[in-house]
Amino acid sequence: MNETILTALITIVLIAVTVIPYLRRFRKKESKAREKLQQMKISGLQEAAMMHPQIDAMRCIGCAACVRACPEGEVLGLIEGKATIIHGAKCIGHGLCAEACPVGAIELLMAKPGRSADLPELSKHFETTVPGMFIVGELGGLGLIKNAVRQGVDVVSHIATLSRHTDGEGYDIAIVGAG
């Protein structure tokens, strides 16, 4: 009987020695994230100006893979065990957080209409309000070469399906800042 009690006490002590430091570190990180979030809300920097992650809190398991994957730092943090946008203005929309999420709880969205007023109005094929003018990449609100190349391929594929010029002329394509 005494051995059973002693074994139980040793087990409890070992669990406490490993779990308590983890919980303290977790609470300290969450407290810092809350403080940073409050600062960002006050300064208006919580919302992203362009492409940013949207987190489905019901699907988020709080593993922090997205937080670790983001090279911009402090864009995301864990609050109440869920990923939260902390400093949205630092987000450049590369989507590494979405790729890192093991449950697919993150998708990339454009900023709210009031925040993206400087962006051109584009069709689903990236055509501007000027017929025949297509814009992709950073000018269209989605930075990074990887995204711009993908959009560029989509645009050129779409242009190839359009009817040809009747005068036999081809199309002009300008690639600006391709790395």
N, C-alpha and C. Protein backbone atom coordinates (compact mmCIF):
# COMPACT_ATOMS: atom_id res chain seq x y z
N MET A 1 0.82 -1.20 0.00
CA MET A 1 0.00 0.00 0.00
C MET A 1 0.86 1.26 0.00
N ASN A 2 1.89 1.27 0.83
CA ASN A 2 2.78 2.42 0.89
C ASN A 2 3.52 2.61 -0.42
N GLU A 3 3.85 1.49 -1.08
CA GLU A 3 4.53 1.58 -2.38
C GLU A 3 3.61 2.22 -3.42
N THR A 4 2.34 1.90 -3.38
CA THR A 4 1.38 2.45 -4.32
C THR A 4 1.26 3.97 -4.13
N ILE A 5 1.18 4.39 -2.89
CA ILE A 5 1.08 5.82 -2.60
C ILE A 5 2.36 6.53 -3.02
N LEU A 6 3.50 5.92 -2.73
CA LEU A 6 4.78 6.50 -3.11
C LEU A 6 4.91 6.61 -4.63
N THR A 7 4.49 5.57 -5.35
CA THR A 7 4.53 5.58 -6.81
C THR A 7 3.62 6.67 -7.36
N ALA A 8 2.44 6.81 -6.78
CA ALA A 8 1.50 7.84 -7.23
C ALA A 8 2.07 9.23 -6.98
N LEU A 9 2.67 9.45 -5.83
CA LEU A 9 3.27 10.75 -5.53
C LEU A 9 4.42 11.07 -6.47
N ILE A 10 5.27 10.09 -6.74
CA ILE A 10 6.39 10.30 -7.67
C ILE A 10 5.86 10.64 -9.06
N THR A 11 4.82 9.94 -9.49
CA THR A 11 4.21 10.19 -10.80
C THR A 11 3.65 11.61 -10.86
N ILE A 12 2.96 12.02 -9.82
CA ILE A 12 2.39 13.37 -9.78
C ILE A 12 3.48 14.42 -9.82
N VAL A 13 4.55 14.22 -9.07
CA VAL A 13 5.67 15.17 -9.06
C VAL A 13 6.32 15.25 -10.44
N LEU A 14 6.55 14.11 -11.08
CA LEU A 14 7.16 14.11 -12.42
C LEU A 14 6.28 14.82 -13.44
N ILE A 15 5.00 14.57 -13.37
CA ILE A 15 4.08 15.24 -14.29
C ILE A 15 4.09 16.74 -14.03
N ALA A 16 4.05 17.13 -12.77
CA ALA A 16 4.06 18.55 -12.43
C ALA A 16 5.34 19.23 -12.89
N VAL A 17 6.47 18.54 -12.74
CA VAL A 17 7.76 19.11 -13.13
C VAL A 17 7.82 19.34 -14.64
N THR A 18 7.16 18.52 -15.42
CA THR A 18 7.19 18.70 -16.87
C THR A 18 6.08 19.61 -17.38
N VAL A 19 4.91 19.54 -16.78
CA VAL A 19 3.75 20.28 -17.29
C VAL A 19 3.75 21.74 -16.83
N ILE A 20 4.10 22.01 -15.61
CA ILE A 20 4.02 23.38 -15.08
C ILE A 20 4.90 24.35 -15.87
N PRO A 21 6.17 24.03 -16.17
CA PRO A 21 6.96 24.97 -16.99
C PRO A 21 6.36 25.21 -18.37
N TYR A 22 5.81 24.15 -18.97
CA TYR A 22 5.16 24.31 -20.28
C TYR A 22 3.98 25.26 -20.18
N LEU A 23 3.14 25.09 -19.17
CA LEU A 23 1.97 25.95 -19.00
C LEU A 23 2.37 27.40 -18.73
N ARG A 24 3.41 27.59 -17.93
CA ARG A 24 3.89 28.96 -17.68
C ARG A 24 4.36 29.62 -18.97
N ARG A 25 5.16 28.88 -19.75
CA ARG A 25 5.67 29.42 -21.01
C ARG A 25 4.52 29.72 -21.97
N PHE A 26 3.53 28.82 -22.04
CA PHE A 26 2.36 29.01 -22.89
C PHE A 26 1.59 30.26 -22.48
N ARG A 27 1.35 30.42 -21.18
CA ARG A 27 0.61 31.59 -20.69
C ARG A 27 1.38 32.88 -20.93
N LYS A 28 2.70 32.83 -20.79
CA LYS A 28 3.52 34.02 -21.02
C LYS A 28 3.45 34.43 -22.49
N LYS A 29 3.54 33.46 -23.41
CA LYS A 29 3.43 33.76 -24.84
C LYS A 29 2.05 34.32 -25.17
N GLU A 30 1.01 33.72 -24.59
CA GLU A 30 -0.34 34.20 -24.86
C GLU A 30 -0.53 35.62 -24.32
N SER A 31 0.02 35.90 -23.16
CA SER A 31 -0.08 37.24 -22.58
C SER A 31 0.60 38.27 -23.48
N LYS A 32 1.78 37.93 -24.00
CA LYS A 32 2.48 38.82 -24.92
C LYS A 32 1.66 39.03 -26.19
N ALA A 33 1.05 37.95 -26.69
CA ALA A 33 0.23 38.05 -27.91
C ALA A 33 -0.98 38.94 -27.66
N ARG A 34 -1.60 38.82 -26.50
CA ARG A 34 -2.75 39.68 -26.17
C ARG A 34 -2.35 41.16 -26.11
N GLU A 35 -1.21 41.42 -25.45
CA GLU A 35 -0.72 42.80 -25.36
C GLU A 35 -0.44 43.37 -26.75
N LYS A 36 0.23 42.58 -27.59
CA LYS A 36 0.56 43.02 -28.94
C LYS A 36 -0.73 43.26 -29.74
N LEU A 37 -1.70 42.37 -29.60
CA LEU A 37 -2.98 42.53 -30.29
C LEU A 37 -3.66 43.84 -29.88
N GLN A 38 -3.66 44.15 -28.60
CA GLN A 38 -4.26 45.41 -28.14
C GLN A 38 -3.53 46.61 -28.74
N GLN A 39 -2.20 46.55 -28.78
CA GLN A 39 -1.42 47.65 -29.38
C GLN A 39 -1.78 47.81 -30.86
N MET A 40 -1.90 46.70 -31.56
CA MET A 40 -2.19 46.74 -33.00
C MET A 40 -3.60 47.25 -33.25
N LYS A 41 -4.55 46.88 -32.40
CA LYS A 41 -5.92 47.38 -32.55
C LYS A 41 -5.96 48.90 -32.37
N ILE A 42 -5.23 49.38 -31.37
CA ILE A 42 -5.19 50.82 -31.10
C ILE A 42 -4.56 51.57 -32.27
N SER A 43 -3.47 51.02 -32.81
CA SER A 43 -2.76 51.70 -33.90
C SER A 43 -3.37 51.44 -35.27
N GLY A 44 -4.35 50.52 -35.34
CA GLY A 44 -4.99 50.21 -36.62
C GLY A 44 -4.18 49.29 -37.51
N LEU A 45 -3.17 48.64 -36.95
CA LEU A 45 -2.31 47.76 -37.75
C LEU A 45 -2.70 46.29 -37.67
N GLN A 46 -3.81 45.99 -37.00
CA GLN A 46 -4.22 44.59 -36.92
C GLN A 46 -4.72 44.10 -38.28
N GLU A 47 -5.39 44.96 -39.02
CA GLU A 47 -5.94 44.56 -40.31
C GLU A 47 -4.90 44.66 -41.40
N ALA A 48 -4.92 43.69 -42.28
CA ALA A 48 -3.98 43.66 -43.40
C ALA A 48 -4.43 44.60 -44.50
N ALA A 49 -3.46 45.16 -45.22
CA ALA A 49 -3.78 46.07 -46.31
C ALA A 49 -4.01 45.31 -47.61
N MET A 50 -3.54 44.09 -47.70
CA MET A 50 -3.67 43.32 -48.93
C MET A 50 -4.07 41.88 -48.59
N MET A 51 -3.40 40.92 -49.20
CA MET A 51 -3.68 39.52 -48.96
C MET A 51 -3.32 39.16 -47.52
N HIS A 52 -4.19 38.38 -46.86
CA HIS A 52 -3.94 38.00 -45.48
C HIS A 52 -4.66 36.69 -45.16
N PRO A 53 -4.26 36.05 -44.07
CA PRO A 53 -4.92 34.81 -43.70
C PRO A 53 -6.25 35.05 -43.00
N GLN A 54 -7.19 34.16 -43.27
CA GLN A 54 -8.43 34.12 -42.49
C GLN A 54 -8.43 32.78 -41.79
N ILE A 55 -8.61 32.79 -40.49
CA ILE A 55 -8.49 31.58 -39.69
C ILE A 55 -9.87 31.11 -39.27
N ASP A 56 -10.18 29.86 -39.57
CA ASP A 56 -11.42 29.24 -39.14
C ASP A 56 -11.19 28.71 -37.72
N ALA A 57 -11.68 29.43 -36.72
CA ALA A 57 -11.43 29.07 -35.32
C ALA A 57 -12.03 27.71 -34.96
N MET A 58 -13.07 27.30 -35.65
CA MET A 58 -13.68 26.00 -35.36
C MET A 58 -12.78 24.85 -35.81
N ARG A 59 -11.97 25.08 -36.83
CA ARG A 59 -11.07 24.03 -37.33
C ARG A 59 -9.68 24.10 -36.72
N CYS A 60 -9.29 25.27 -36.22
CA CYS A 60 -7.95 25.47 -35.67
C CYS A 60 -7.76 24.58 -34.44
N ILE A 61 -6.63 23.86 -34.41
CA ILE A 61 -6.32 23.00 -33.27
C ILE A 61 -5.28 23.62 -32.35
N GLY A 62 -4.83 24.82 -32.65
CA GLY A 62 -3.91 25.54 -31.77
C GLY A 62 -2.51 24.97 -31.72
N CYS A 63 -2.05 24.35 -32.80
CA CYS A 63 -0.72 23.73 -32.81
C CYS A 63 0.40 24.74 -33.05
N ALA A 64 0.07 25.94 -33.48
CA ALA A 64 1.01 27.04 -33.74
C ALA A 64 1.93 26.79 -34.92
N ALA A 65 1.60 25.85 -35.79
CA ALA A 65 2.42 25.61 -36.99
C ALA A 65 2.42 26.86 -37.87
N CYS A 66 1.30 27.54 -37.95
CA CYS A 66 1.21 28.76 -38.77
C CYS A 66 2.07 29.87 -38.19
N VAL A 67 2.08 29.99 -36.87
CA VAL A 67 2.87 31.03 -36.20
C VAL A 67 4.35 30.81 -36.49
N ARG A 68 4.79 29.55 -36.38
CA ARG A 68 6.20 29.22 -36.64
C ARG A 68 6.55 29.35 -38.11
N ALA A 69 5.60 29.11 -39.02
CA ALA A 69 5.89 29.13 -40.45
C ALA A 69 6.03 30.54 -41.01
N CYS A 70 5.44 31.52 -40.37
CA CYS A 70 5.44 32.89 -40.90
C CYS A 70 6.80 33.56 -40.67
N PRO A 71 7.50 33.88 -41.76
CA PRO A 71 8.81 34.52 -41.60
C PRO A 71 8.71 36.02 -41.28
N GLU A 72 7.53 36.58 -41.36
CA GLU A 72 7.37 38.02 -41.11
C GLU A 72 7.38 38.34 -39.62
N GLY A 73 7.09 37.39 -38.79
CA GLY A 73 7.13 37.58 -37.34
C GLY A 73 5.97 38.40 -36.81
N GLU A 74 5.32 37.90 -35.79
CA GLU A 74 4.24 38.58 -35.08
C GLU A 74 3.00 38.86 -35.92
N VAL A 75 2.89 38.28 -37.10
CA VAL A 75 1.65 38.43 -37.86
C VAL A 75 0.57 37.61 -37.17
N LEU A 76 0.92 36.40 -36.76
CA LEU A 76 -0.01 35.51 -36.08
C LEU A 76 0.47 35.21 -34.67
N GLY A 77 -0.48 34.85 -33.81
CA GLY A 77 -0.16 34.43 -32.45
C GLY A 77 -1.28 33.54 -31.95
N LEU A 78 -1.04 32.86 -30.85
CA LEU A 78 -2.07 32.02 -30.25
C LEU A 78 -2.72 32.76 -29.09
N ILE A 79 -4.04 32.85 -29.14
CA ILE A 79 -4.81 33.43 -28.05
C ILE A 79 -5.96 32.47 -27.76
N GLU A 80 -6.07 32.09 -26.50
CA GLU A 80 -7.06 31.10 -26.06
C GLU A 80 -6.92 29.81 -26.86
N GLY A 81 -5.69 29.46 -27.20
CA GLY A 81 -5.41 28.20 -27.88
C GLY A 81 -5.79 28.19 -29.36
N LYS A 82 -6.04 29.35 -29.94
CA LYS A 82 -6.40 29.44 -31.36
C LYS A 82 -5.51 30.46 -32.05
N ALA A 83 -5.19 30.21 -33.30
CA ALA A 83 -4.40 31.17 -34.08
C ALA A 83 -5.23 32.43 -34.29
N THR A 84 -4.56 33.58 -34.16
CA THR A 84 -5.21 34.88 -34.28
C THR A 84 -4.29 35.83 -35.04
N ILE A 85 -4.88 36.67 -35.88
CA ILE A 85 -4.08 37.69 -36.56
C ILE A 85 -3.75 38.77 -35.55
N ILE A 86 -2.46 39.01 -35.34
CA ILE A 86 -2.00 40.00 -34.38
C ILE A 86 -1.60 41.29 -35.09
N HIS A 87 -0.71 41.18 -36.05
CA HIS A 87 -0.15 42.35 -36.76
C HIS A 87 -0.37 42.14 -38.26
N GLY A 88 -1.62 42.29 -38.69
CA GLY A 88 -2.00 42.04 -40.08
C GLY A 88 -1.28 42.90 -41.09
N ALA A 89 -0.88 44.11 -40.69
CA ALA A 89 -0.20 45.01 -41.63
C ALA A 89 1.16 44.48 -42.05
N LYS A 90 1.75 43.57 -41.26
CA LYS A 90 3.05 42.99 -41.62
C LYS A 90 2.92 41.84 -42.62
N CYS A 91 1.70 41.34 -42.80
CA CYS A 91 1.47 40.20 -43.69
C CYS A 91 1.68 40.62 -45.14
N ILE A 92 2.47 39.82 -45.87
CA ILE A 92 2.69 40.11 -47.29
C ILE A 92 2.00 39.09 -48.19
N GLY A 93 1.26 38.16 -47.60
CA GLY A 93 0.41 37.27 -48.38
C GLY A 93 1.07 36.11 -49.07
N HIS A 94 2.21 35.64 -48.59
CA HIS A 94 2.86 34.52 -49.27
C HIS A 94 2.18 33.19 -48.99
N GLY A 95 1.42 33.08 -47.93
CA GLY A 95 0.63 31.89 -47.67
C GLY A 95 1.34 30.74 -47.00
N LEU A 96 2.52 30.96 -46.45
CA LEU A 96 3.22 29.88 -45.77
C LEU A 96 2.45 29.39 -44.55
N CYS A 97 1.69 30.27 -43.93
CA CYS A 97 0.88 29.87 -42.78
C CYS A 97 -0.20 28.88 -43.20
N ALA A 98 -0.84 29.15 -44.33
CA ALA A 98 -1.89 28.26 -44.83
C ALA A 98 -1.32 26.90 -45.21
N GLU A 99 -0.14 26.91 -45.83
CA GLU A 99 0.51 25.65 -46.20
C GLU A 99 0.91 24.85 -44.96
N ALA A 100 1.30 25.52 -43.89
CA ALA A 100 1.76 24.84 -42.68
C ALA A 100 0.62 24.29 -41.84
N CYS A 101 -0.57 24.81 -42.00
CA CYS A 101 -1.70 24.40 -41.17
C CYS A 101 -2.08 22.95 -41.47
N PRO A 102 -1.97 22.05 -40.49
CA PRO A 102 -2.25 20.64 -40.75
C PRO A 102 -3.72 20.31 -40.95
N VAL A 103 -4.61 21.21 -40.56
CA VAL A 103 -6.05 20.94 -40.69
C VAL A 103 -6.73 21.83 -41.71
N GLY A 104 -5.97 22.65 -42.42
CA GLY A 104 -6.54 23.52 -43.45
C GLY A 104 -7.46 24.59 -42.90
N ALA A 105 -7.15 25.10 -41.72
CA ALA A 105 -8.01 26.11 -41.09
C ALA A 105 -7.71 27.53 -41.56
N ILE A 106 -6.74 27.68 -42.47
CA ILE A 106 -6.35 29.02 -42.93
C ILE A 106 -6.52 29.12 -44.44
N GLU A 107 -7.18 30.18 -44.87
CA GLU A 107 -7.23 30.49 -46.30
C GLU A 107 -6.83 31.95 -46.48
N LEU A 108 -6.28 32.26 -47.64
CA LEU A 108 -5.83 33.63 -47.91
C LEU A 108 -6.95 34.41 -48.57
N LEU A 109 -7.18 35.61 -48.07
CA LEU A 109 -8.22 36.49 -48.61
C LEU A 109 -7.64 37.86 -48.90
N MET A 110 -8.33 38.60 -49.74
CA MET A 110 -7.97 40.00 -49.96
C MET A 110 -8.47 40.81 -48.77
N ALA A 111 -7.92 41.98 -48.58
CA ALA A 111 -8.32 42.85 -47.48
C ALA A 111 -9.75 43.33 -47.67
N LYS A 112 -10.31 43.87 -46.62
CA LYS A 112 -11.66 44.42 -46.68
C LYS A 112 -11.69 45.57 -47.69
N PRO A 113 -12.84 45.83 -48.30
CA PRO A 113 -12.92 46.86 -49.34
C PRO A 113 -12.32 48.21 -48.97
N GLY A 114 -12.54 48.70 -47.78
CA GLY A 114 -12.00 49.99 -47.39
C GLY A 114 -10.48 50.01 -47.30
N ARG A 115 -9.87 48.84 -47.06
CA ARG A 115 -8.42 48.76 -46.91
C ARG A 115 -7.71 48.60 -48.24
N SER A 116 -8.44 48.20 -49.28
CA SER A 116 -7.79 47.92 -50.56
C SER A 116 -8.20 48.92 -51.64
N ALA A 117 -8.45 50.15 -51.25
CA ALA A 117 -8.93 51.16 -52.18
C ALA A 117 -7.94 51.49 -53.29
N ASP A 118 -6.65 51.27 -53.05
CA ASP A 118 -5.64 51.59 -54.06
C ASP A 118 -5.48 50.49 -55.10
N LEU A 119 -6.17 49.39 -54.94
CA LEU A 119 -6.03 48.27 -55.86
C LEU A 119 -6.99 48.43 -57.03
N PRO A 120 -6.58 48.02 -58.23
CA PRO A 120 -7.48 48.13 -59.38
C PRO A 120 -8.61 47.12 -59.29
N GLU A 121 -9.70 47.44 -59.96
CA GLU A 121 -10.83 46.52 -60.04
C GLU A 121 -10.51 45.50 -61.12
N LEU A 122 -10.54 44.22 -60.76
CA LEU A 122 -10.15 43.16 -61.69
C LEU A 122 -11.27 42.14 -61.85
N SER A 123 -11.35 41.56 -63.06
CA SER A 123 -12.28 40.46 -63.29
C SER A 123 -11.64 39.18 -62.76
N LYS A 124 -12.36 38.07 -62.85
CA LYS A 124 -11.79 36.80 -62.39
C LYS A 124 -10.60 36.37 -63.24
N HIS A 125 -10.46 36.96 -64.43
CA HIS A 125 -9.31 36.66 -65.30
C HIS A 125 -8.24 37.75 -65.20
N PHE A 126 -8.34 38.61 -64.16
CA PHE A 126 -7.37 39.67 -63.89
C PHE A 126 -7.39 40.79 -64.93
N GLU A 127 -8.52 40.95 -65.63
CA GLU A 127 -8.65 42.03 -66.60
C GLU A 127 -9.15 43.27 -65.86
N THR A 128 -8.53 44.41 -66.15
CA THR A 128 -8.93 45.66 -65.51
C THR A 128 -10.19 46.20 -66.19
N THR A 129 -10.61 47.37 -65.76
CA THR A 129 -11.77 48.01 -66.39
C THR A 129 -11.42 48.55 -67.77
N VAL A 130 -10.14 48.53 -68.13
CA VAL A 130 -9.70 48.88 -69.48
C VAL A 130 -9.65 47.57 -70.27
N PRO A 131 -10.54 47.37 -71.24
CA PRO A 131 -10.57 46.09 -71.97
C PRO A 131 -9.21 45.74 -72.58
N GLY A 132 -8.81 44.49 -72.38
CA GLY A 132 -7.55 44.02 -72.93
C GLY A 132 -6.34 44.29 -72.05
N MET A 133 -6.53 44.96 -70.92
CA MET A 133 -5.41 45.21 -70.01
C MET A 133 -5.56 44.30 -68.79
N PHE A 134 -4.57 43.46 -68.59
CA PHE A 134 -4.57 42.51 -67.49
C PHE A 134 -3.45 42.87 -66.52
N ILE A 135 -3.72 42.74 -65.24
CA ILE A 135 -2.72 43.05 -64.21
C ILE A 135 -2.68 41.90 -63.22
N VAL A 136 -1.46 41.44 -62.93
CA VAL A 136 -1.29 40.39 -61.91
C VAL A 136 -0.16 40.80 -60.97
N GLY A 137 0.01 40.02 -59.94
CA GLY A 137 1.11 40.25 -59.00
C GLY A 137 0.81 41.38 -58.05
N GLU A 138 1.85 42.10 -57.69
CA GLU A 138 1.73 43.13 -56.66
C GLU A 138 0.80 44.26 -57.07
N LEU A 139 0.76 44.62 -58.34
CA LEU A 139 -0.15 45.68 -58.78
C LEU A 139 -1.60 45.28 -58.58
N GLY A 140 -1.88 43.99 -58.66
CA GLY A 140 -3.23 43.51 -58.46
C GLY A 140 -3.55 43.19 -57.01
N GLY A 141 -2.58 43.39 -56.13
CA GLY A 141 -2.81 43.19 -54.71
C GLY A 141 -2.27 41.90 -54.15
N LEU A 142 -1.60 41.11 -54.97
CA LEU A 142 -1.06 39.84 -54.49
C LEU A 142 0.43 39.79 -54.81
N GLY A 143 1.22 40.12 -53.82
CA GLY A 143 2.67 40.18 -54.02
C GLY A 143 3.31 38.81 -54.10
N LEU A 144 4.59 38.78 -54.18
CA LEU A 144 5.44 37.61 -54.25
C LEU A 144 5.49 37.02 -55.65
N ILE A 145 6.66 36.68 -56.04
CA ILE A 145 6.90 36.18 -57.40
C ILE A 145 6.12 34.91 -57.67
N LYS A 146 6.09 33.99 -56.69
CA LYS A 146 5.38 32.72 -56.88
C LYS A 146 3.93 32.95 -57.27
N ASN A 147 3.26 33.85 -56.55
CA ASN A 147 1.86 34.15 -56.83
C ASN A 147 1.71 34.86 -58.17
N ALA A 148 2.60 35.80 -58.45
CA ALA A 148 2.52 36.55 -59.71
C ALA A 148 2.74 35.64 -60.90
N VAL A 149 3.68 34.71 -60.79
CA VAL A 149 3.93 33.77 -61.89
C VAL A 149 2.70 32.90 -62.13
N ARG A 150 2.11 32.40 -61.05
CA ARG A 150 0.91 31.56 -61.19
C ARG A 150 -0.21 32.35 -61.86
N GLN A 151 -0.42 33.60 -61.41
CA GLN A 151 -1.45 34.43 -62.02
C GLN A 151 -1.11 34.75 -63.47
N GLY A 152 0.16 35.02 -63.74
CA GLY A 152 0.59 35.31 -65.11
C GLY A 152 0.31 34.17 -66.05
N VAL A 153 0.58 32.95 -65.61
CA VAL A 153 0.28 31.76 -66.43
C VAL A 153 -1.21 31.67 -66.68
N ASP A 154 -2.02 31.92 -65.65
CA ASP A 154 -3.48 31.89 -65.81
C ASP A 154 -3.95 32.94 -66.81
N VAL A 155 -3.39 34.15 -66.73
CA VAL A 155 -3.79 35.23 -67.64
C VAL A 155 -3.41 34.89 -69.08
N VAL A 156 -2.19 34.44 -69.29
CA VAL A 156 -1.75 34.11 -70.65
C VAL A 156 -2.59 32.96 -71.21
N SER A 157 -2.92 31.99 -70.38
CA SER A 157 -3.80 30.89 -70.83
C SER A 157 -5.17 31.43 -71.23
N HIS A 158 -5.68 32.38 -70.44
CA HIS A 158 -6.98 32.98 -70.77
C HIS A 158 -6.89 33.80 -72.06
N ILE A 159 -5.83 34.58 -72.20
CA ILE A 159 -5.66 35.40 -73.41
C ILE A 159 -5.60 34.50 -74.64
N ALA A 160 -4.97 33.34 -74.51
CA ALA A 160 -4.85 32.42 -75.64
C ALA A 160 -6.22 31.91 -76.10
N THR A 161 -7.21 31.91 -75.22
CA THR A 161 -8.54 31.44 -75.60
C THR A 161 -9.37 32.55 -76.26
N LEU A 162 -8.92 33.79 -76.15
CA LEU A 162 -9.66 34.91 -76.74
C LEU A 162 -9.52 34.90 -78.25
N SER A 163 -10.47 35.54 -78.92
CA SER A 163 -10.38 35.61 -80.38
C SER A 163 -9.17 36.44 -80.79
N ARG A 164 -8.56 36.08 -81.89
CA ARG A 164 -7.36 36.75 -82.39
C ARG A 164 -7.71 38.13 -82.95
N HIS A 165 -6.68 38.99 -82.99
CA HIS A 165 -6.85 40.28 -83.66
C HIS A 165 -7.20 40.02 -85.12
N THR A 166 -8.09 40.82 -85.67
CA THR A 166 -8.46 40.65 -87.08
C THR A 166 -7.37 41.16 -88.01
N ASP A 167 -6.50 42.03 -87.52
CA ASP A 167 -5.45 42.58 -88.38
C ASP A 167 -4.20 41.69 -88.39
N GLY A 168 -4.25 40.53 -87.74
CA GLY A 168 -3.12 39.61 -87.76
C GLY A 168 -2.04 39.94 -86.75
N GLU A 169 -2.20 41.01 -86.01
CA GLU A 169 -1.20 41.40 -85.01
C GLU A 169 -1.35 40.53 -83.77
N GLY A 170 -0.26 40.36 -83.04
CA GLY A 170 -0.29 39.61 -81.79
C GLY A 170 -0.63 40.50 -80.62
N TYR A 171 -0.36 40.02 -79.46
CA TYR A 171 -0.63 40.78 -78.24
C TYR A 171 0.69 41.27 -77.66
N ASP A 172 0.64 42.38 -76.97
CA ASP A 172 1.81 42.89 -76.25
C ASP A 172 1.71 42.46 -74.79
N ILE A 173 2.80 41.93 -74.27
CA ILE A 173 2.84 41.52 -72.86
C ILE A 173 4.06 42.19 -72.23
N ALA A 174 3.84 42.86 -71.12
CA ALA A 174 4.96 43.49 -70.40
C ALA A 174 5.09 42.81 -69.04
N ILE A 175 6.29 42.35 -68.74
CA ILE A 175 6.57 41.75 -67.44
C ILE A 175 7.50 42.70 -66.70
N VAL A 176 7.01 43.22 -65.58
CA VAL A 176 7.77 44.22 -64.84
C VAL A 176 8.20 43.62 -63.51
N GLY A 177 9.48 43.74 -63.21
CA GLY A 177 9.99 43.31 -61.91
C GLY A 177 9.88 41.83 -61.66
N ALA A 178 10.30 41.02 -62.59
CA ALA A 178 10.19 39.57 -62.45
C ALA A 178 11.38 38.99 -61.70
N GLY A 179 11.80 39.63 -60.66
CA GLY A 179 12.84 39.07 -59.81
C GLY A 179 14.17 39.58 -60.18
